[in-house]
């Protein structure tokens, strides 16, 4: 008697696998990002968890709403950033107070972003080696939901599972740099926010190439472990020059790796600065925080309770300045995050 399994036809090239699905997301929140991903008039706040994101709204009375919408991505979220349209501060008259106040408006090209359209897009790097582009939409019944699309990061294939461990965006929100823990880095020129939204709306999950999002992409090999990376502030007379800095550990030393180029030129024109390969001081080798300074071509690093500045990073030998003061600390606790508060336009000058 022939066994039934012998009668089953074999499928050429068939593979067996296991499908997994997250049933319950971890309640832990890794980061909280202000992100106007629904409309310029709504102060949205995104809570980023281990595998899911949650939308809340911040109100003028300092009240944060309960959860408005959630999106479970089914894989670990490694990093999150916000891509924004150009923000312009304008003075408007407050009818109630009878005085002028500053208001931020968002502009794409020559047009201001209208209510109902997102002036910002949330970008998530995923453990699957993908980028997720996300905004939120309000339905006619006033409920809100997330809309998203994914794009694969096609690097050298050295560390796809951790490719988004590092993710930074330049101050003009036009260039995104993504990297794993070691070995390589990808630099991407992003489309404008309105075009990103259009690509998200037209994304077909069955066709990975349907999510464009990127106008240009460059892969760069990195010899060592990437500890920190970020864009530095440009000089006031060179607003369109970008400088991307990495701190890379290799062979017992932590060195500066920096690239500089003009925003209007192709990514192929990225050039290493003369400071690339310059080792930082041994006591600064494994910083807790890497903070771009408001001073052009400069950054600060925090190691435990010590604050140190590195200036003139575009020169062959950057200058190191040790702060005479120490940061407040408590026992063995480490500094893990920093932020730059939003200032009124008058005080930002």
Protein backbone atom coordinates (compact mmCIF):
# COMPACT_ATOMS: atom_id res chain seq x y z
CA UNK A 1 0.00 0.00 0.00
CA UNK A 2 1.39 3.32 -1.01
CA UNK A 3 1.69 5.89 1.77
CA UNK A 4 -0.23 9.08 1.21
CA UNK A 5 2.81 11.27 1.72
CA UNK A 6 4.53 9.52 -1.21
CA UNK A 7 1.71 10.60 -3.48
CA UNK A 8 2.12 14.31 -2.67
CA UNK A 9 3.85 16.11 -5.56
CA UNK A 10 7.10 17.87 -4.76
CA UNK A 11 7.35 21.56 -5.49
CA UNK A 12 10.65 22.50 -7.11
CA UNK A 13 12.57 25.01 -5.02
CA UNK A 14 10.10 24.83 -2.13
CA UNK A 15 11.29 25.89 1.33
CA UNK A 16 10.03 25.36 4.84
CA UNK A 17 9.93 28.16 7.39
CA UNK A 18 8.28 29.45 10.51
CA UNK A 19 5.99 32.49 10.52
CA UNK A 20 5.93 34.60 13.67
CA UNK A 21 3.55 37.32 14.79
CA UNK A 22 3.71 39.61 17.81
CA UNK A 23 0.57 39.07 19.90
CA UNK A 24 1.28 41.55 22.68
CA UNK A 25 3.64 44.49 22.42
CA UNK A 26 5.94 45.41 25.27
CA UNK A 27 4.57 48.41 27.21
CA UNK A 28 8.08 49.87 27.52
CA UNK A 29 8.68 53.17 25.68
CA UNK A 30 12.17 53.68 24.26
CA UNK A 31 11.77 57.25 23.08
CA UNK A 32 9.17 60.01 22.71
CA UNK A 33 9.22 62.21 19.60
CA UNK A 34 7.20 65.36 18.83
CA UNK A 35 6.06 64.75 15.27
CA UNK A 36 3.41 66.64 13.30
CA UNK A 37 2.52 63.61 11.21
CA UNK A 38 -1.18 64.46 10.79
CA UNK A 39 -1.47 68.21 10.33
CA UNK A 40 0.50 71.43 11.02
CA UNK A 41 -2.11 72.50 13.60
CA UNK A 42 -1.93 69.31 15.66
CA UNK A 43 0.83 68.80 18.21
CA UNK A 44 1.28 65.07 17.83
CA UNK A 45 3.61 63.03 19.99
CA UNK A 46 4.80 59.53 19.02
CA UNK A 47 5.74 57.00 21.70
CA UNK A 48 8.22 54.53 20.21
CA UNK A 49 8.24 51.09 21.84
CA UNK A 50 10.12 47.85 21.19
CA UNK A 51 8.06 46.73 18.18
CA UNK A 52 5.20 49.26 18.04
CA UNK A 53 4.50 53.00 17.92
CA UNK A 54 1.64 54.88 19.56
CA UNK A 55 0.16 58.27 18.65
CA UNK A 56 -0.79 60.83 21.30
CA UNK A 57 -1.66 64.53 21.12
CA UNK A 58 -0.23 67.31 23.27
CA UNK A 59 -2.65 70.11 24.21
CA UNK A 60 -1.87 73.73 25.20
CA UNK A 61 -2.92 73.05 28.81
CA UNK A 62 0.05 70.66 29.11
CA UNK A 63 -2.24 67.64 28.86
CA UNK A 64 -1.29 64.59 26.79
CA UNK A 65 -4.17 62.61 25.34
CA UNK A 66 -4.66 58.92 25.75
CA UNK A 67 -3.55 56.69 22.89
CA UNK A 68 -5.09 57.78 19.57
CA UNK A 69 -3.64 55.12 17.27
CA UNK A 70 -1.12 52.27 17.34
CA UNK A 71 0.95 50.45 14.76
CA UNK A 72 2.53 47.05 15.45
CA UNK A 73 5.45 46.44 13.11
CA UNK A 74 6.21 42.87 14.18
CA UNK A 75 9.95 43.41 14.50
CA UNK A 76 12.33 45.39 16.69
CA UNK A 77 12.51 49.15 16.12
CA UNK A 78 16.17 50.15 16.30
CA UNK A 79 15.95 53.93 15.84
CA UNK A 80 13.46 56.67 15.01
CA UNK A 81 13.81 60.10 13.40
CA UNK A 82 11.49 62.82 12.07
CA UNK A 83 11.78 64.21 8.53
CA UNK A 84 10.32 67.70 8.32
CA UNK A 85 9.28 70.26 5.76
CA UNK A 86 11.02 73.63 6.09
CA UNK A 87 9.88 75.33 9.31
CA UNK A 88 9.45 79.10 9.25
CA UNK A 89 8.65 81.23 12.27
CA UNK A 90 6.20 84.01 11.50
CA UNK A 91 4.56 86.63 13.74
CA UNK A 92 0.77 86.47 13.91
CA UNK A 93 -1.72 88.49 15.93
CA UNK A 94 -3.39 86.72 18.83
CA UNK A 95 -6.94 88.09 18.82
CA UNK A 96 -7.63 87.00 22.40
CA UNK A 97 -4.45 88.43 23.92
CA UNK A 98 -4.34 91.37 21.54
CA UNK A 99 -0.66 90.96 20.81
CA UNK A 100 1.68 89.31 18.33
CA UNK A 101 3.10 85.85 18.91
CA UNK A 102 5.46 83.56 17.03
CA UNK A 103 3.92 80.73 15.04
CA UNK A 104 5.71 77.98 13.16
CA UNK A 105 4.53 77.28 9.62
CA UNK A 106 5.81 74.58 7.31
CA UNK A 107 6.76 75.18 3.72
CA UNK A 108 7.50 72.88 0.76
CA UNK A 109 8.89 74.80 -2.19
CA UNK A 110 6.84 78.01 -2.43
CA UNK A 111 3.71 76.64 -0.75
CA UNK A 112 2.78 76.30 2.90
CA UNK A 113 1.55 72.89 4.07
CA UNK A 114 -2.22 73.08 4.53
CA UNK A 115 -4.16 71.64 7.44
CA UNK A 116 -4.95 67.98 6.91
CA UNK A 117 -1.58 67.24 5.32
CA UNK A 118 1.44 66.11 7.34
CA UNK A 119 4.40 68.53 7.43
CA UNK A 120 6.53 65.76 8.94
CA UNK A 121 7.15 62.05 8.33
CA UNK A 122 8.38 59.55 10.91
CA UNK A 123 11.23 57.26 9.81
CA UNK A 124 11.91 54.00 11.67
CA UNK A 125 14.83 51.65 11.17
CA UNK A 126 13.85 48.01 11.71
CA UNK A 127 15.78 44.90 12.69
CA UNK A 128 14.74 43.37 9.36
CA UNK A 129 17.11 45.74 7.54
CA UNK A 130 14.27 48.00 6.42
CA UNK A 131 13.21 51.62 6.81
CA UNK A 132 9.56 52.34 7.60
CA UNK A 133 8.13 55.73 6.57
CA UNK A 134 5.04 56.64 8.59
CA UNK A 135 2.43 59.37 8.85
CA UNK A 136 -1.10 59.42 10.33
CA UNK A 137 -4.43 60.20 8.75
CA UNK A 138 -7.68 61.41 10.31
CA UNK A 139 -10.86 59.75 9.02
CA UNK A 140 -14.25 61.47 8.52
CA UNK A 141 -15.41 59.99 11.84
CA UNK A 142 -12.46 61.85 13.49
CA UNK A 143 -10.57 58.66 14.32
CA UNK A 144 -6.92 58.44 13.32
CA UNK A 145 -4.78 55.65 11.96
CA UNK A 146 -1.19 55.18 10.81
CA UNK A 147 -0.25 54.87 7.14
CA UNK A 148 3.17 53.45 6.32
CA UNK A 149 5.47 51.96 3.73
CA UNK A 150 8.74 50.02 3.94
CA UNK A 151 11.94 50.13 1.96
CA UNK A 152 14.85 47.68 2.16
CA UNK A 153 18.31 49.03 2.98
CA UNK A 154 20.50 47.38 0.38
CA UNK A 155 23.98 47.72 1.86
CA UNK A 156 27.03 45.50 1.46
CA UNK A 157 25.17 42.79 3.39
CA UNK A 158 27.59 42.68 6.29
CA UNK A 159 25.11 43.24 9.11
CA UNK A 160 21.55 43.44 7.82
CA UNK A 161 19.93 42.47 11.13
CA UNK A 162 21.29 45.55 12.90
CA UNK A 163 21.53 47.96 9.99
CA UNK A 164 19.53 50.71 11.65
CA UNK A 165 21.37 50.76 14.97
CA UNK A 166 22.61 54.24 14.06
CA UNK A 167 20.38 56.67 12.18
CA UNK A 168 20.85 60.45 11.90
CA UNK A 169 19.39 63.22 9.76
CA UNK A 170 20.94 66.52 8.74
CA UNK A 171 19.55 69.85 9.91
CA UNK A 172 17.87 70.57 6.58
CA UNK A 173 16.08 67.20 6.74
CA UNK A 174 17.30 66.23 3.28
CA UNK A 175 19.99 63.65 4.04
CA UNK A 176 19.61 60.50 6.14
CA UNK A 177 22.56 58.37 7.25
CA UNK A 178 22.00 54.81 8.48
CA UNK A 179 24.54 52.31 9.78
CA UNK A 180 24.86 49.01 11.66
CA UNK A 181 27.20 48.55 14.61
CA UNK A 182 30.22 48.04 12.35
CA UNK A 183 31.51 47.65 8.82
CA UNK A 184 29.52 50.07 6.68
CA UNK A 185 27.22 53.06 6.36
CA UNK A 186 24.50 54.13 3.94
CA UNK A 187 23.82 57.78 3.09
CA UNK A 188 20.46 58.57 1.46
CA UNK A 189 19.14 61.73 -0.17
CA UNK A 190 15.45 61.98 0.72
CA UNK A 191 12.59 63.28 -1.35
CA UNK A 192 10.49 66.19 -0.03
CA UNK A 193 7.80 65.45 2.57
CA UNK A 194 4.92 65.73 0.09
CA UNK A 195 6.60 63.27 -2.27
CA UNK A 196 7.34 60.90 0.61
CA UNK A 197 3.65 60.96 1.54
CA UNK A 198 2.67 60.24 -2.06
CA UNK A 199 5.08 57.29 -2.18
CA UNK A 200 3.64 55.94 1.08
CA UNK A 201 0.09 56.19 -0.29
CA UNK A 202 1.08 54.32 -3.46
CA UNK A 203 3.20 51.63 -1.79
CA UNK A 204 2.44 48.04 -2.76
CA UNK A 205 3.77 45.54 -0.15
CA UNK A 206 4.03 42.91 -2.91
CA UNK A 207 6.38 45.16 -4.89
CA UNK A 208 9.36 46.32 -2.79
CA UNK A 209 10.46 48.73 -5.50
CA UNK A 210 7.16 50.65 -5.28
CA UNK A 211 8.44 52.64 -2.28
CA UNK A 212 10.84 55.09 -3.87
CA UNK A 213 11.44 57.66 -1.08
CA UNK A 214 15.11 58.01 -2.00
CA UNK A 215 16.48 60.16 -4.82
CA UNK A 216 20.09 59.03 -4.31
CA UNK A 217 22.01 56.50 -2.21
CA UNK A 218 25.67 55.81 -1.43
CA UNK A 219 27.27 52.93 0.48
CA UNK A 220 30.50 53.51 2.40
CA UNK A 221 32.68 50.90 4.08
CA UNK A 222 33.76 51.65 7.64
CA UNK A 223 36.82 49.94 9.09
CA UNK A 224 35.83 49.32 12.70
CA UNK A 225 32.97 49.57 15.20
CA UNK A 226 30.76 52.65 14.91
CA UNK A 227 30.30 54.12 18.39
CA UNK A 228 28.53 57.38 17.55
CA UNK A 229 27.54 59.38 14.48
CA UNK A 230 25.78 62.65 13.70
CA UNK A 231 25.73 65.72 11.47
CA UNK A 232 27.50 68.85 12.72
CA UNK A 233 26.10 72.36 12.40
CA UNK A 234 27.39 74.30 9.38
CA UNK A 235 28.88 77.78 9.55
CA UNK A 236 26.44 80.66 9.10
CA UNK A 237 28.06 81.62 5.78
CA UNK A 238 28.01 77.97 4.58
CA UNK A 239 24.47 76.77 5.37
CA UNK A 240 24.42 74.29 2.49
CA UNK A 241 27.63 72.48 3.43
CA UNK A 242 27.12 69.22 5.34
CA UNK A 243 29.53 67.43 7.65
CA UNK A 244 28.81 63.89 8.82
CA UNK A 245 31.03 62.67 11.68
CA UNK A 246 31.49 59.14 13.03
CA UNK A 247 33.49 57.97 16.02
CA UNK A 248 34.96 54.60 15.02
CA UNK A 249 36.79 52.16 17.32
CA UNK A 250 39.45 49.92 15.82
CA UNK A 251 42.67 48.34 17.10
CA UNK A 252 42.37 49.92 20.54
CA UNK A 253 41.86 53.47 19.28
CA UNK A 254 38.76 55.61 18.71
CA UNK A 255 39.16 57.81 15.64
CA UNK A 256 37.22 60.54 13.89
CA UNK A 257 35.78 59.71 10.46
CA UNK A 258 34.25 62.78 8.80
CA UNK A 259 32.74 63.53 5.39
CA UNK A 260 31.91 66.97 3.98
CA UNK A 261 30.01 67.96 0.82
CA UNK A 262 27.62 70.53 -0.62
CA UNK A 263 23.93 69.67 -0.35
CA UNK A 264 23.30 70.53 -4.03
CA UNK A 265 25.93 68.08 -5.28
CA UNK A 266 25.68 64.29 -5.72
CA UNK A 267 26.59 62.02 -2.82
CA UNK A 268 29.54 60.82 -4.89
CA UNK A 269 31.20 64.17 -4.10
CA UNK A 270 31.37 63.35 -0.38
CA UNK A 271 34.99 63.73 0.63
CA UNK A 272 36.80 62.73 3.81
CA UNK A 273 38.00 65.72 5.79
CA UNK A 274 41.62 66.14 6.85
CA UNK A 275 40.61 65.16 10.40
CA UNK A 276 39.58 61.63 9.34
CA UNK A 277 41.79 59.13 11.10
CA UNK A 278 42.61 61.53 13.93
CA UNK A 279 42.42 59.64 17.26
CA UNK A 280 40.55 61.23 20.13
CA UNK A 281 41.96 61.18 23.68
CA UNK A 282 42.02 57.80 25.41
CA UNK A 283 39.78 59.04 28.23
CA UNK A 284 37.16 60.04 25.61
CA UNK A 285 37.35 56.77 23.68
CA UNK A 286 33.94 55.36 24.67
CA UNK A 287 31.59 58.32 25.13
CA UNK A 288 28.12 58.07 26.63
CA UNK A 289 26.80 60.96 24.53
CA UNK A 290 27.84 62.63 21.26
CA UNK A 291 26.37 66.15 20.95
CA UNK A 292 26.77 68.40 17.87
CA UNK A 293 27.68 71.88 19.09
CA UNK A 294 26.01 75.06 17.89
CA UNK A 295 29.52 76.18 17.03
CA UNK A 296 30.29 75.18 13.40
CA UNK A 297 32.27 72.00 12.82
CA UNK A 298 32.36 71.16 16.53
CA UNK A 299 30.92 68.55 18.87
CA UNK A 300 30.83 67.70 22.56
CA UNK A 301 31.08 64.28 24.15
CA UNK A 302 30.09 63.13 27.60
CA UNK A 303 32.00 60.41 29.46
CA UNK A 304 30.45 59.78 32.88
CA UNK A 305 30.44 63.27 34.46
CA UNK A 306 33.00 64.86 32.12
CA UNK A 307 32.15 67.16 29.22
CA UNK A 308 34.73 67.63 26.45
CA UNK A 309 34.61 69.72 23.27
CA UNK A 310 36.28 68.97 19.94
CA UNK A 311 36.50 72.06 17.72
CA UNK A 312 37.58 72.64 14.11
CA UNK A 313 36.75 69.08 13.10
CA UNK A 314 37.31 69.96 9.43
CA UNK A 315 41.01 70.61 10.17
CA UNK A 316 43.81 68.06 10.31
CA UNK A 317 44.19 68.29 14.10
CA UNK A 318 40.92 69.19 15.86
CA UNK A 319 41.38 71.02 19.16
CA UNK A 320 40.26 69.36 22.38
CA UNK A 321 38.87 71.50 25.20
CA UNK A 322 38.11 69.88 28.57
CA UNK A 323 35.30 71.61 30.42
CA UNK A 324 36.35 72.80 33.88
CA UNK A 325 32.96 71.93 35.33
CA UNK A 326 31.54 68.46 35.90
CA UNK A 327 28.05 67.27 35.08
CA UNK A 328 25.75 66.33 37.96
CA UNK A 329 25.81 62.58 38.52
CA UNK A 330 24.32 60.08 40.89
CA UNK A 331 26.33 57.02 41.77
CA UNK A 332 26.92 54.70 38.81
CA UNK A 333 24.11 56.13 36.66
CA UNK A 334 25.01 57.11 33.09
CA UNK A 335 23.80 59.93 30.87
CA UNK A 336 21.81 58.26 28.08
CA UNK A 337 20.00 61.06 26.22
CA UNK A 338 20.13 64.75 25.37
CA UNK A 339 17.83 67.19 23.62
CA UNK A 340 17.85 70.75 22.31
CA UNK A 341 14.87 72.83 23.49
CA UNK A 342 12.95 74.81 20.90
CA UNK A 343 13.65 78.52 21.18
CA UNK A 344 11.72 81.57 20.06
CA UNK A 345 13.25 83.00 16.88
CA UNK A 346 14.43 86.13 18.71
CA UNK A 347 16.57 84.13 21.15
CA UNK A 348 17.91 81.75 18.51
CA UNK A 349 19.79 84.57 16.78
